[in-house]
PDB file of N, CA and C in Angstrom:
ATOM      1  N   MET A   1      -2.639 -17.719   7.369  1.00  0.00           N
ATOM      2  CA  MET A   1      -2.185 -16.913   6.400  1.00  0.00           C
ATOM      3  C   MET A   1      -3.629 -16.466   5.509  1.00  0.00           C
ATOM      4  N   GLU A   2      -3.604 -15.272   5.226  1.00  0.00           N
ATOM      5  CA  GLU A   2      -4.752 -14.824   4.523  1.00  0.00           C
ATOM      6  C   GLU A   2      -4.411 -15.290   2.889  1.00  0.00           C
ATOM      7  N   ASP A   3      -5.663 -15.346   2.236  1.00  0.00           N
ATOM      8  CA  ASP A   3      -5.666 -15.674   0.852  1.00  0.00           C
ATOM      9  C   ASP A   3      -6.253 -14.173  -0.086  1.00  0.00           C
ATOM     10  N   PHE A   4      -4.991 -14.070  -0.960  1.00  0.00           N
ATOM     11  CA  PHE A   4      -5.035 -12.931  -1.848  1.00  0.00           C
ATOM     12  C   PHE A   4      -5.430 -13.397  -3.180  1.00  0.00           C
ATOM     13  N   LYS A   5      -6.383 -14.325  -3.378  1.00  0.00           N
ATOM     14  CA  LYS A   5      -6.718 -14.810  -4.690  1.00  0.00           C
ATOM     15  C   LYS A   5      -7.711 -14.275  -5.058  1.00  0.00           C
ATOM     16  N   THR A   6      -8.369 -13.287  -4.625  1.00  0.00           N
ATOM     17  CA  THR A   6      -9.756 -12.684  -4.851  1.00  0.00           C
ATOM     18  C   THR A   6      -9.280 -11.218  -5.049  1.00  0.00           C
ATOM     19  N   ILE A   7     -10.252 -10.298  -5.390  1.00  0.00           N
ATOM     20  CA  ILE A   7     -10.322  -8.930  -5.689  1.00  0.00           C
ATOM     21  C   ILE A   7     -10.286  -8.565  -4.241  1.00  0.00           C
ATOM     22  N   GLY A   8     -11.306  -9.140  -3.578  1.00  0.00           N
ATOM     23  CA  GLY A   8     -11.385  -8.352  -2.139  1.00  0.00           C
ATOM     24  C   GLY A   8     -10.052  -8.785  -1.055  1.00  0.00           C
ATOM     25  N   GLY A   9      -9.545 -10.071  -1.425  1.00  0.00           N
ATOM     26  CA  GLY A   9      -8.339 -10.438  -0.669  1.00  0.00           C
ATOM     27  C   GLY A   9      -7.289  -9.264  -0.956  1.00  0.00           C
ATOM     28  N   ARG A  10      -7.280  -8.982  -2.238  1.00  0.00           N
ATOM     29  CA  ARG A  10      -6.103  -8.122  -2.492  1.00  0.00           C
ATOM     30  C   ARG A  10      -6.351  -6.512  -2.243  1.00  0.00           C
ATOM     31  N   ILE A  11      -7.746  -6.114  -2.081  1.00  0.00           N
ATOM     32  CA  ILE A  11      -7.978  -4.982  -1.566  1.00  0.00           C
ATOM     33  C   ILE A  11      -7.827  -4.856  -0.014  1.00  0.00           C
ATOM     34  N   ARG A  12      -8.068  -6.043   0.545  1.00  0.00           N
ATOM     35  CA  ARG A  12      -7.693  -6.107   2.028  1.00  0.00           C
ATOM     36  C   ARG A  12      -5.991  -6.089   2.322  1.00  0.00           C
ATOM     37  N   GLN A  13      -5.341  -6.662   1.455  1.00  0.00           N
ATOM     38  CA  GLN A  13      -4.045  -6.506   1.719  1.00  0.00           C
ATOM     39  C   GLN A  13      -3.567  -5.264   1.502  1.00  0.00           C
ATOM     40  N   ILE A  14      -3.851  -4.725   0.749  1.00  0.00           N
ATOM     41  CA  ILE A  14      -3.517  -3.098   0.516  1.00  0.00           C
ATOM     42  C   ILE A  14      -3.780  -2.361   1.668  1.00  0.00           C
ATOM     43  N   ARG A  15      -4.959  -2.205   2.134  1.00  0.00           N
ATOM     44  CA  ARG A  15      -5.365  -1.641   3.411  1.00  0.00           C
ATOM     45  C   ARG A  15      -4.620  -2.006   4.636  1.00  0.00           C
ATOM     46  N   THR A  16      -4.473  -3.310   4.903  1.00  0.00           N
ATOM     47  CA  THR A  16      -3.680  -3.832   5.899  1.00  0.00           C
ATOM     48  C   THR A  16      -2.093  -3.388   5.852  1.00  0.00           C
ATOM     49  N   THR A  17      -1.678  -3.651   4.679  1.00  0.00           N
ATOM     50  CA  THR A  17      -0.493  -3.273   4.552  1.00  0.00           C
ATOM     51  C   THR A  17      -0.092  -1.783   4.835  1.00  0.00           C
ATOM     52  N   MET A  18      -1.038  -1.059   4.576  1.00  0.00           N
ATOM     53  CA  MET A  18      -1.001   0.468   4.643  1.00  0.00           C
ATOM     54  C   MET A  18      -1.282   0.794   6.207  1.00  0.00           C
ATOM     55  N   GLY A  19      -1.637  -0.110   7.079  1.00  0.00           N
ATOM     56  CA  GLY A  19      -1.977  -0.039   8.411  1.00  0.00           C
ATOM     57  C   GLY A  19      -2.972   0.985   8.475  1.00  0.00           C
ATOM     58  N   LEU A  20      -4.239   1.014   7.829  1.00  0.00           N
ATOM     59  CA  LEU A  20      -5.163   1.420   8.066  1.00  0.00           C
ATOM     60  C   LEU A  20      -6.382   0.555   8.418  1.00  0.00           C
ATOM     61  N   ILE A  21      -7.388   1.321   9.263  1.00  0.00           N
ATOM     62  CA  ILE A  21      -8.660   0.497   9.366  1.00  0.00           C
ATOM     63  C   ILE A  21      -9.554   0.839   8.390  1.00  0.00           C
ATOM     64  N   ARG A  22     -10.703  -0.030   8.551  1.00  0.00           N
ATOM     65  CA  ARG A  22     -11.754   0.251   7.241  1.00  0.00           C
ATOM     66  C   ARG A  22     -12.306   1.834   7.106  1.00  0.00           C
ATOM     67  N   ASP A  23     -12.581   2.480   8.471  1.00  0.00           N
ATOM     68  CA  ASP A  23     -13.005   3.619   8.226  1.00  0.00           C
ATOM     69  C   ASP A  23     -12.341   4.545   7.403  1.00  0.00           C
ATOM     70  N   ASP A  24     -10.977   4.480   8.006  1.00  0.00           N
ATOM     71  CA  ASP A  24     -10.074   5.478   7.271  1.00  0.00           C
ATOM     72  C   ASP A  24      -9.367   5.208   5.935  1.00  0.00           C
ATOM     73  N   PHE A  25      -9.409   3.969   5.610  1.00  0.00           N
ATOM     74  CA  PHE A  25      -9.059   3.506   3.967  1.00  0.00           C
ATOM     75  C   PHE A  25     -10.555   3.654   3.035  1.00  0.00           C
ATOM     76  N   ALA A  26     -11.579   3.220   3.883  1.00  0.00           N
ATOM     77  CA  ALA A  26     -12.847   3.602   2.798  1.00  0.00           C
ATOM     78  C   ALA A  26     -13.040   5.322   2.501  1.00  0.00           C
ATOM     79  N   GLY A  27     -12.583   5.932   3.542  1.00  0.00           N
ATOM     80  CA  GLY A  27     -12.421   7.369   3.328  1.00  0.00           C
ATOM     81  C   GLY A  27     -11.539   7.648   2.199  1.00  0.00           C
ATOM     82  N   LEU A  28     -10.526   7.027   2.145  1.00  0.00           N
ATOM     83  CA  LEU A  28      -9.204   7.234   1.258  1.00  0.00           C
ATOM     84  C   LEU A  28      -9.809   6.885  -0.122  1.00  0.00           C
ATOM     85  N   VAL A  29     -10.402   5.854  -0.543  1.00  0.00           N
ATOM     86  CA  VAL A  29     -10.762   5.479  -1.667  1.00  0.00           C
ATOM     87  C   VAL A  29     -12.098   5.532  -2.044  1.00  0.00           C
ATOM     88  N   GLY A  30     -12.555   6.511  -1.163  1.00  0.00           N
ATOM     89  CA  GLY A  30     -13.912   6.962  -1.771  1.00  0.00           C
ATOM     90  C   GLY A  30     -15.137   6.230  -1.650  1.00  0.00           C
ATOM     91  N   VAL A  31     -15.500   5.271  -0.690  1.00  0.00           N
ATOM     92  CA  VAL A  31     -16.555   4.380  -0.339  1.00  0.00           C
ATOM     93  C   VAL A  31     -16.956   4.284   1.150  1.00  0.00           C
ATOM     94  N   SER A  32     -18.057   3.948   1.294  1.00  0.00           N
ATOM     95  CA  SER A  32     -18.384   3.855   2.639  1.00  0.00           C
ATOM     96  C   SER A  32     -17.533   2.456   3.292  1.00  0.00           C
ATOM     97  N   ARG A  33     -17.666   2.614   4.613  1.00  0.00           N
ATOM     98  CA  ARG A  33     -17.192   1.466   5.112  1.00  0.00           C
ATOM     99  C   ARG A  33     -17.777   0.186   4.926  1.00  0.00           C
ATOM    100  N   ASN A  34     -19.193   0.130   4.860  1.00  0.00           N
ATOM    101  CA  ASN A  34     -20.016  -0.988   4.684  1.00  0.00           C
ATOM    102  C   ASN A  34     -19.562  -1.535   3.223  1.00  0.00           C
ATOM    103  N   THR A  35     -19.516  -0.693   2.314  1.00  0.00           N
ATOM    104  CA  THR A  35     -19.398  -1.058   0.940  1.00  0.00           C
ATOM    105  C   THR A  35     -17.980  -1.680   1.011  1.00  0.00           C
ATOM    106  N   LEU A  36     -16.911  -1.081   1.602  1.00  0.00           N
ATOM    107  CA  LEU A  36     -15.543  -1.435   1.460  1.00  0.00           C
ATOM    108  C   LEU A  36     -15.586  -3.123   1.980  1.00  0.00           C
ATOM    109  N   ALA A  37     -16.225  -3.093   3.284  1.00  0.00           N
ATOM    110  CA  ALA A  37     -16.335  -4.465   3.688  1.00  0.00           C
ATOM    111  C   ALA A  37     -16.790  -5.655   3.049  1.00  0.00           C
ATOM    112  N   ARG A  38     -17.868  -5.099   2.358  1.00  0.00           N
ATOM    113  CA  ARG A  38     -18.476  -6.005   1.404  1.00  0.00           C
ATOM    114  C   ARG A  38     -17.587  -6.342   0.227  1.00  0.00           C
ATOM    115  N   TYR A  39     -16.758  -5.426  -0.116  1.00  0.00           N
ATOM    116  CA  TYR A  39     -15.745  -5.854  -1.468  1.00  0.00           C
ATOM    117  C   TYR A  39     -14.641  -6.601  -0.635  1.00  0.00           C
ATOM    118  N   GLU A  40     -13.887  -6.445   0.185  1.00  0.00           N
ATOM    119  CA  GLU A  40     -13.058  -7.039   0.919  1.00  0.00           C
ATOM    120  C   GLU A  40     -13.658  -8.689   1.314  1.00  0.00           C
ATOM    121  N   THR A  41     -14.805  -8.814   1.600  1.00  0.00           N
ATOM    122  CA  THR A  41     -15.236 -10.101   1.940  1.00  0.00           C
ATOM    123  C   THR A  41     -15.878 -10.928   0.653  1.00  0.00           C
ATOM    124  N   ASP A  42     -15.582 -10.036  -0.634  1.00  0.00           N
ATOM    125  CA  ASP A  42     -16.108 -10.660  -1.671  1.00  0.00           C
ATOM    126  C   ASP A  42     -17.642 -10.716  -2.024  1.00  0.00           C
ATOM    127  N   GLU A  43     -18.547 -10.286  -0.967  1.00  0.00           N
ATOM    128  CA  GLU A  43     -19.813 -10.202  -1.151  1.00  0.00           C
ATOM    129  C   GLU A  43     -20.335  -9.382  -2.122  1.00  0.00           C
ATOM    130  N   ARG A  44     -19.503  -8.440  -2.648  1.00  0.00           N
ATOM    131  CA  ARG A  44     -19.919  -7.405  -3.592  1.00  0.00           C
ATOM    132  C   ARG A  44     -18.525  -7.131  -4.498  1.00  0.00           C
ATOM    133  N   LYS A  45     -18.779  -7.152  -6.056  1.00  0.00           N
ATOM    134  CA  LYS A  45     -17.665  -6.514  -6.831  1.00  0.00           C
ATOM    135  C   LYS A  45     -17.536  -5.267  -6.899  1.00  0.00           C
ATOM    136  N   PRO A  46     -16.398  -4.724  -6.897  1.00  0.00           N
ATOM    137  CA  PRO A  46     -16.300  -3.124  -7.298  1.00  0.00           C
ATOM    138  C   PRO A  46     -16.578  -2.798  -8.452  1.00  0.00           C
ATOM    139  N   ASP A  47     -17.205  -1.718  -8.614  1.00  0.00           N
ATOM    140  CA  ASP A  47     -17.532  -1.065  -9.682  1.00  0.00           C
ATOM    141  C   ASP A  47     -16.438  -0.493 -10.459  1.00  0.00           C
ATOM    142  N   ALA A  48     -16.388   0.025 -11.811  1.00  0.00           N
ATOM    143  CA  ALA A  48     -15.234   0.480 -12.551  1.00  0.00           C
ATOM    144  C   ALA A  48     -14.746   1.940 -11.923  1.00  0.00           C
ATOM    145  N   ASP A  49     -15.704   2.958 -11.478  1.00  0.00           N
ATOM    146  CA  ASP A  49     -15.111   3.847 -10.815  1.00  0.00           C
ATOM    147  C   ASP A  49     -14.390   3.488  -9.515  1.00  0.00           C
ATOM    148  N   PHE A  50     -14.624   2.621  -8.865  1.00  0.00           N
ATOM    149  CA  PHE A  50     -14.014   2.327  -7.619  1.00  0.00           C
ATOM    150  C   PHE A  50     -12.813   1.789  -8.080  1.00  0.00           C
ATOM    151  N   ILE A  51     -12.817   0.925  -8.974  1.00  0.00           N
ATOM    152  CA  ILE A  51     -11.343   0.121  -9.815  1.00  0.00           C
ATOM    153  C   ILE A  51     -10.230   1.275  -9.819  1.00  0.00           C
ATOM    154  N   ILE A  52     -10.897   2.224 -10.642  1.00  0.00           N
ATOM    155  CA  ILE A  52      -9.804   3.523 -11.083  1.00  0.00           C
ATOM    156  C   ILE A  52      -9.576   4.259  -9.885  1.00  0.00           C
ATOM    157  N   ASN A  53     -10.208   4.726  -9.070  1.00  0.00           N
ATOM    158  CA  ASN A  53      -9.749   5.374  -8.063  1.00  0.00           C
ATOM    159  C   ASN A  53      -8.810   4.505  -7.329  1.00  0.00           C
ATOM    160  N   PHE A  54      -9.364   3.228  -6.966  1.00  0.00           N
ATOM    161  CA  PHE A  54      -8.374   2.556  -6.196  1.00  0.00           C
ATOM    162  C   PHE A  54      -7.031   2.168  -6.454  1.00  0.00           C
ATOM    163  N   CYS A  55      -6.923   2.095  -8.043  1.00  0.00           N
ATOM    164  CA  CYS A  55      -5.871   1.934  -8.384  1.00  0.00           C
ATOM    165  C   CYS A  55      -4.635   3.267  -8.596  1.00  0.00           C
ATOM    166  N   GLN A  56      -5.530   4.446  -8.743  1.00  0.00           N
ATOM    167  CA  GLN A  56      -4.764   5.391  -8.922  1.00  0.00           C
ATOM    168  C   GLN A  56      -4.213   5.723  -7.288  1.00  0.00           C
ATOM    169  N   THR A  57      -5.248   5.818  -6.176  1.00  0.00           N
ATOM    170  CA  THR A  57      -4.792   6.088  -5.100  1.00  0.00           C
ATOM    171  C   THR A  57      -3.529   5.195  -4.518  1.00  0.00           C
ATOM    172  N   CYS A  58      -3.822   3.979  -4.640  1.00  0.00           N
ATOM    173  CA  CYS A  58      -2.973   2.921  -4.096  1.00  0.00           C
ATOM    174  C   CYS A  58      -1.469   2.694  -5.099  1.00  0.00           C
ATOM    175  N   GLU A  59      -1.712   3.155  -6.189  1.00  0.00           N
ATOM    176  CA  GLU A  59      -0.764   3.029  -6.998  1.00  0.00           C
ATOM    177  C   GLU A  59      -0.220   1.745  -7.272  1.00  0.00           C
ATOM    178  N   VAL A  60      -1.379   0.913  -7.748  1.00  0.00           N
ATOM    179  CA  VAL A  60      -1.313  -0.544  -8.240  1.00  0.00           C
ATOM    180  C   VAL A  60      -1.896  -0.555  -9.585  1.00  0.00           C
ATOM    181  N   SER A  61      -1.618  -1.667 -10.217  1.00  0.00           N
ATOM    182  CA  SER A  61      -2.181  -1.919 -11.434  1.00  0.00           C
ATOM    183  C   SER A  61      -3.702  -2.396 -11.566  1.00  0.00           C
ATOM    184  N   ALA A  62      -4.376  -2.442 -12.409  1.00  0.00           N
ATOM    185  CA  ALA A  62      -5.678  -2.745 -12.628  1.00  0.00           C
ATOM    186  C   ALA A  62      -5.717  -4.320 -12.533  1.00  0.00           C
ATOM    187  N   ASP A  63      -4.443  -4.674 -13.622  1.00  0.00           N
ATOM    188  CA  ASP A  63      -4.435  -6.238 -13.664  1.00  0.00           C
ATOM    189  C   ASP A  63      -4.135  -6.835 -12.456  1.00  0.00           C
ATOM    190  N   TRP A  64      -3.312  -6.350 -11.750  1.00  0.00           N
ATOM    191  CA  TRP A  64      -2.882  -7.031 -10.131  1.00  0.00           C
ATOM    192  C   TRP A  64      -4.101  -6.857  -9.429  1.00  0.00           C
ATOM    193  N   LEU A  65      -4.994  -5.937  -9.275  1.00  0.00           N
ATOM    194  CA  LEU A  65      -6.306  -5.811  -8.595  1.00  0.00           C
ATOM    195  C   LEU A  65      -7.171  -6.729  -9.037  1.00  0.00           C
ATOM    196  N   LEU A  66      -7.682  -6.788 -10.366  1.00  0.00           N
ATOM    197  CA  LEU A  66      -8.544  -7.791 -10.794  1.00  0.00           C
ATOM    198  C   LEU A  66      -8.175  -9.016 -10.947  1.00  0.00           C
ATOM    199  N   PHE A  67      -6.726  -9.541 -11.404  1.00  0.00           N
ATOM    200  CA  PHE A  67      -6.481 -10.844 -11.627  1.00  0.00           C
ATOM    201  C   PHE A  67      -5.264 -11.363 -10.893  1.00  0.00           C
ATOM    202  N   GLY A  68      -4.689 -10.485 -10.210  1.00  0.00           N
ATOM    203  CA  GLY A  68      -3.521 -10.884  -9.516  1.00  0.00           C
ATOM    204  C   GLY A  68      -2.272 -10.958 -10.355  1.00  0.00           C
ATOM    205  N   ILE A  69      -2.313 -10.431 -11.407  1.00  0.00           N
ATOM    206  CA  ILE A  69      -1.232 -10.464 -12.398  1.00  0.00           C
ATOM    207  C   ILE A  69      -0.485  -9.133 -12.198  1.00  0.00           C
ATOM    208  N   LEU A  70       0.952  -9.211 -11.884  1.00  0.00           N
ATOM    209  CA  LEU A  70       1.806  -7.903 -11.900  1.00  0.00           C
ATOM    210  C   LEU A  70       1.852  -7.506 -13.009  1.00  0.00           C
ATOM    211  N   PRO A  71       2.112  -6.178 -13.610  1.00  0.00           N
ATOM    212  CA  PRO A  71       2.485  -5.838 -14.709  1.00  0.00           C
ATOM    213  C   PRO A  71       4.089  -6.298 -15.133  1.00  0.00           C
ATOM    214  N   GLU A  72       4.214  -6.277 -16.469  1.00  0.00           N
ATOM    215  CA  GLU A  72       5.360  -7.348 -16.844  1.00  0.00           C
ATOM    216  C   GLU A  72       6.689  -6.563 -16.300  1.00  0.00           C
ATOM    217  N   ASP A  73       6.916  -5.205 -16.224  1.00  0.00           N
ATOM    218  CA  ASP A  73       8.224  -4.719 -15.548  1.00  0.00           C
ATOM    219  C   ASP A  73       8.218  -5.010 -14.070  1.00  0.00           C
ATOM    220  N   GLN A  74       7.190  -5.302 -13.336  1.00  0.00           N
ATOM    221  CA  GLN A  74       7.242  -5.645 -12.013  1.00  0.00           C
ATOM    222  C   GLN A  74       7.708  -7.136 -11.869  1.00  0.00           C
ATOM    223  N   GLN A  75       6.828  -8.058 -12.675  1.00  0.00           N
ATOM    224  CA  GLN A  75       7.176  -9.352 -12.851  1.00  0.00           C
ATOM    225  C   GLN A  75       8.779  -9.629 -12.897  1.00  0.00           C
ATOM    226  N   GLN A  76       9.313  -8.911 -13.551  1.00  0.00           N
ATOM    227  CA  GLN A  76      11.066  -8.958 -13.643  1.00  0.00           C
ATOM    228  C   GLN A  76      11.667  -8.625 -12.496  1.00  0.00           C
ATOM    229  N   GLN A  77      11.251  -7.642 -12.087  1.00  0.00           N
ATOM    230  CA  GLN A  77      11.527  -6.932 -10.637  1.00  0.00           C
ATOM    231  C   GLN A  77      11.549  -7.765  -9.592  1.00  0.00           C
ATOM    232  N   GLN A  78      10.178  -8.426  -9.432  1.00  0.00           N
ATOM    233  CA  GLN A  78       9.618  -9.461  -8.407  1.00  0.00           C
ATOM    234  C   GLN A  78       9.374  -8.170  -7.249  1.00  0.00           C
ATOM    235  N   LEU A  79       8.967  -7.332  -7.343  1.00  0.00           N
ATOM    236  CA  LEU A  79       8.483  -6.555  -6.215  1.00  0.00           C
ATOM    237  C   LEU A  79       7.398  -7.106  -5.377  1.00  0.00           C
ATOM    238  N   SER A  80       7.553  -6.934  -4.397  1.00  0.00           N
ATOM    239  CA  SER A  80       6.458  -7.416  -3.104  1.00  0.00           C
ATOM    240  C   SER A  80       5.410  -6.247  -3.144  1.00  0.00           C
ATOM    241  N   VAL A  81       4.271  -6.639  -2.727  1.00  0.00           N
ATOM    242  CA  VAL A  81       2.952  -5.523  -2.348  1.00  0.00           C
ATOM    243  C   VAL A  81       3.916  -4.513  -1.327  1.00  0.00           C
ATOM    244  N   ASP A  82       4.570  -4.770  -0.475  1.00  0.00           N
ATOM    245  CA  ASP A  82       5.144  -4.102   0.600  1.00  0.00           C
ATOM    246  C   ASP A  82       6.115  -3.051  -0.108  1.00  0.00           C
ATOM    247  N   GLU A  83       7.170  -3.647  -1.443  1.00  0.00           N
ATOM    248  CA  GLU A  83       7.856  -2.884  -1.926  1.00  0.00           C
ATOM    249  C   GLU A  83       7.151  -1.565  -2.816  1.00  0.00           C
ATOM    250  N   MET A  84       6.169  -2.364  -3.479  1.00  0.00           N
ATOM    251  CA  MET A  84       5.334  -1.403  -4.020  1.00  0.00           C
ATOM    252  C   MET A  84       4.537  -0.324  -3.450  1.00  0.00           C
ATOM    253  N   LEU A  85       3.985  -0.583  -1.968  1.00  0.00           N
ATOM    254  CA  LEU A  85       3.630   0.479  -1.364  1.00  0.00           C
ATOM    255  C   LEU A  85       4.440   1.539  -0.561  1.00  0.00           C
ATOM    256  N   LEU A  86       5.686   1.210  -0.446  1.00  0.00           N
ATOM    257  CA  LEU A  86       6.776   1.785   0.191  1.00  0.00           C
ATOM    258  C   LEU A  86       7.282   2.990  -1.017  1.00  0.00           C
ATOM    259  N   ILE A  87       7.122   2.397  -2.338  1.00  0.00           N
ATOM    260  CA  ILE A  87       7.418   3.237  -3.370  1.00  0.00           C
ATOM    261  C   ILE A  87       6.603   4.223  -3.539  1.00  0.00           C
ATOM    262  N   ALA A  88       5.092   3.779  -3.775  1.00  0.00           N
ATOM    263  CA  ALA A  88       3.998   4.786  -3.737  1.00  0.00           C
ATOM    264  C   ALA A  88       4.150   5.917  -2.597  1.00  0.00           C
ATOM    265  N   LEU A  89       4.361   5.425  -1.191  1.00  0.00           N
ATOM    266  CA  LEU A  89       4.301   6.334  -0.003  1.00  0.00           C
ATOM    267  C   LEU A  89       5.447   7.273  -0.337  1.00  0.00           C
ATOM    268  N   CYS A  90       6.471   6.800  -1.080  1.00  0.00           N
ATOM    269  CA  CYS A  90       7.725   7.605  -0.956  1.00  0.00           C
ATOM    270  C   CYS A  90       7.569   8.751  -2.200  1.00  0.00           C
ATOM    271  N   ARG A  91       6.720   8.547  -3.214  1.00  0.00           N
ATOM    272  CA  ARG A  91       6.368   9.266  -4.448  1.00  0.00           C
ATOM    273  C   ARG A  91       5.469  10.309  -3.792  1.00  0.00           C
ATOM    274  N   ARG A  92       4.881  10.335  -2.638  1.00  0.00           N
ATOM    275  CA  ARG A  92       3.911  11.091  -2.275  1.00  0.00           C
ATOM    276  C   ARG A  92       4.522  12.362  -1.391  1.00  0.00           C
ATOM    277  N   HIS A  93       5.588  12.114  -0.849  1.00  0.00           N
ATOM    278  CA  HIS A  93       6.368  12.781   0.170  1.00  0.00           C
ATOM    279  C   HIS A  93       7.595  13.826  -0.378  1.00  0.00           C
ATOM    280  N   PRO A  94       7.873  14.824   0.166  1.00  0.00           N
ATOM    281  CA  PRO A  94       8.954  15.465  -0.366  1.00  0.00           C
ATOM    282  C   PRO A  94      10.439  14.916   0.040  1.00  0.00           C
ATOM    283  N   ASP A  95      11.554  15.332  -0.630  1.00  0.00           N
ATOM    284  CA  ASP A  95      12.621  14.765  -0.665  1.00  0.00           C
ATOM    285  C   ASP A  95      13.324  14.434   0.587  1.00  0.00           C
ATOM    286  N   GLU A  96      13.021  15.730   1.466  1.00  0.00           N
ATOM    287  CA  GLU A  96      13.326  15.615   2.865  1.00  0.00           C
ATOM    288  C   GLU A  96      13.081  14.607   3.800  1.00  0.00           C
ATOM    289  N   VAL A  97      11.589  14.183   3.506  1.00  0.00           N
ATOM    290  CA  VAL A  97      10.974  13.280   4.285  1.00  0.00           C
ATOM    291  C   VAL A  97      11.606  11.733   3.800  1.00  0.00           C
ATOM    292  N   ILE A  98      11.804  11.585   2.604  1.00  0.00           N
ATOM    293  CA  ILE A  98      12.204  10.377   1.901  1.00  0.00           C
ATOM    294  C   ILE A  98      13.701  10.175   2.360  1.00  0.00           C
ATOM    295  N   HIS A  99      14.461  11.050   2.669  1.00  0.00           N
ATOM    296  CA  HIS A  99      15.725  11.074   3.119  1.00  0.00           C
ATOM    297  C   HIS A  99      15.874  10.645   4.593  1.00  0.00           C
ATOM    298  N   ARG A 100      15.084  11.068   5.466  1.00  0.00           N
ATOM    299  CA  ARG A 100      14.620  10.643   6.827  1.00  0.00           C
ATOM    300  C   ARG A 100      14.348   9.131   6.775  1.00  0.00           C
ATOM    301  N   LEU A 101      13.608   8.732   6.025  1.00  0.00           N
ATOM    302  CA  LEU A 101      12.888   7.527   5.983  1.00  0.00           C
ATOM    303  C   LEU A 101      14.025   6.666   5.590  1.00  0.00           C
ATOM    304  N   ARG A 102      14.685   6.862   4.557  1.00  0.00           N
ATOM    305  CA  ARG A 102      15.963   6.034   4.112  1.00  0.00           C
ATOM    306  C   ARG A 102      16.845   6.017   5.379  1.00  0.00           C
ATOM    307  N   ALA A 103      17.271   6.942   5.971  1.00  0.00           N
ATOM    308  CA  ALA A 103      18.268   7.106   7.125  1.00  0.00           C
ATOM    309  C   ALA A 103      17.868   6.055   8.047  1.00  0.00           C
ATOM    310  N   LEU A 104      16.281   5.963   8.260  1.00  0.00           N
ATOM    311  CA  LEU A 104      15.864   5.014   9.447  1.00  0.00           C
ATOM    312  C   LEU A 104      15.994   3.765   8.996  1.00  0.00           C
ATOM    313  N   LEU A 105      15.274   3.330   7.749  1.00  0.00           N
ATOM    314  CA  LEU A 105      15.363   1.983   7.167  1.00  0.00           C
ATOM    315  C   LEU A 105      16.624   1.445   7.360  1.00  0.00           C
ATOM    316  N   THR A 106      17.659   2.311   7.039  1.00  0.00           N
ATOM    317  CA  THR A 106      19.174   1.748   6.739  1.00  0.00           C
ATOM    318  C   THR A 106      19.558   1.343   8.408  1.00  0.00           C
ATOM    319  N   ALA A 107      19.157   2.351   9.135  1.00  0.00           N
ATOM    320  CA  ALA A 107      19.586   1.685  10.646  1.00  0.00           C
ATOM    321  C   ALA A 107      18.935   0.609  11.210  1.00  0.00           C
ATOM    322  N   ILE A 108      17.738   0.448  10.775  1.00  0.00           N
ATOM    323  CA  ILE A 108      17.045  -0.610  11.350  1.00  0.00           C
ATOM    324  C   ILE A 108      17.466  -2.096  10.442  1.00  0.00           C
ATOM    325  N   ALA A 109      17.970  -1.858   9.219  1.00  0.00           N
ATOM    326  CA  ALA A 109      18.289  -2.852   8.400  1.00  0.00           C
ATOM    327  C   ALA A 109      19.896  -3.288   9.292  1.00  0.00           C
ATOM    328  N   LEU A 110      20.384  -2.574   9.660  1.00  0.00           N
ATOM    329  CA  LEU A 110      21.728  -2.741  10.431  1.00  0.00           C
ATOM    330  C   LEU A 110      21.561  -3.059  11.645  1.00  0.00           C
ATOM    331  N   GLY A 111      20.414  -3.087  12.302  1.00  0.00           N
ATOM    332  CA  GLY A 111      20.330  -3.777  13.542  1.00  0.00           C
ATOM    333  C   GLY A 111      20.386  -2.679  14.522  1.00  0.00           C
ATOM    334  N   GLU A 112      20.366  -1.330  14.187  1.00  0.00           N
ATOM    335  CA  GLU A 112      20.320  -0.102  15.004  1.00  0.00           C
ATOM    336  C   GLU A 112      19.015   0.092  15.280  1.00  0.00           C
ATOM    337  N   SER A 113      18.736   0.976  16.508  1.00  0.00           N
ATOM    338  CA  SER A 113      17.497   1.593  16.642  1.00  0.00           C
ATOM    339  C   SER A 113      17.600   2.825  15.957  1.00  0.00           C
ATOM    340  N   GLU A 114      16.136   3.539  16.074  1.00  0.00           N
ATOM    341  CA  GLU A 114      15.958   4.835  15.722  1.00  0.00           C
ATOM    342  C   GLU A 114      16.732   5.687  16.370  1.00  0.00           C
ATOM    343  N   LYS A 115      17.190   5.348  17.763  1.00  0.00           N
ATOM    344  CA  LYS A 115      17.906   6.747  18.434  1.00  0.00           C
ATOM    345  C   LYS A 115      19.214   6.920  17.860  1.00  0.00           C
ATOM    346  N   ASP A 116      19.537   5.716  17.354  1.00  0.00           N
ATOM    347  CA  ASP A 116      21.048   5.648  16.450  1.00  0.00           C
ATOM    348  C   ASP A 116      21.061   6.467  15.359  1.00  0.00           C
ATOM    349  N   VAL A 117      20.006   6.968  14.751  1.00  0.00           N
ATOM    350  CA  VAL A 117      19.899   7.661  13.344  1.00  0.00           C
ATOM    351  C   VAL A 117      20.328   9.115  13.803  1.00  0.00           C
ATOM    352  N   ASP A 118      21.000   9.862  12.936  1.00  0.00           N
ATOM    353  CA  ASP A 118      21.433  11.225  12.955  1.00  0.00           C
ATOM    354  C   ASP A 118      20.411  12.021  13.414  1.00  0.00           C
ATOM    355  N   PRO A 119      20.371  12.779  14.680  1.00  0.00           N
ATOM    356  CA  PRO A 119      19.472  13.261  15.233  1.00  0.00           C
ATOM    357  C   PRO A 119      18.857  14.420  13.970  1.00  0.00           C
ATOM    358  N   SER A 120      19.595  15.109  13.175  1.00  0.00           N
ATOM    359  CA  SER A 120      19.061  15.725  12.178  1.00  0.00           C
ATOM    360  C   SER A 120      18.264  15.272  11.139  1.00  0.00           C
ATOM    361  N   LEU A 121      18.203  14.236  10.932  1.00  0.00           N
ATOM    362  CA  LEU A 121      17.234  13.257   9.968  1.00  0.00           C
ATOM    363  C   LEU A 121      15.938  13.094  10.727  1.00  0.00           C
ATOM    364  N   ARG A 122      16.027  13.028  12.184  1.00  0.00           N
ATOM    365  CA  ARG A 122      14.685  12.789  12.831  1.00  0.00           C
ATOM    366  C   ARG A 122      13.781  14.012  12.694  1.00  0.00           C
ATOM    367  N   GLU A 123      12.647  13.811  12.832  1.00  0.00           N
ATOM    368  CA  GLU A 123      11.413  14.868  12.694  1.00  0.00           C
ATOM    369  C   GLU A 123      11.290  15.225  14.271  1.00  0.00           C
ATOM    370  N   GLU A 124      11.552  16.509  14.549  1.00  0.00           N
ATOM    371  CA  GLU A 124      11.439  16.998  15.813  1.00  0.00           C
ATOM    372  C   GLU A 124      10.116  17.290  16.293  1.00  0.00           C
TER     373      GLU A 124
END
């Protein structure tokens, strides 16, 4: 099991949860692949510009990235990182995509397969 007690571990956690390789994630957060690798392995600490961009892009708080502390409202709700990322991804897409995603997640939760989802909700 990975250790997310460091800034680098939390950066890596977000990247892997998003399913991105370092090259793609580095481009998303505005650093080189090598710089990202050094951040993830805690060989180098991120600067303020990276922290700001990372937190805005990934929609996480600086308190969580820097200290592993969830904002008070999220502590009460006990949202996992996966839940926070799903929320962030949903906020970036139009309602029609969110509606299809909700139908798919519901089908999976009910033990159904994607083919059981109403065809009108699937992207052709």
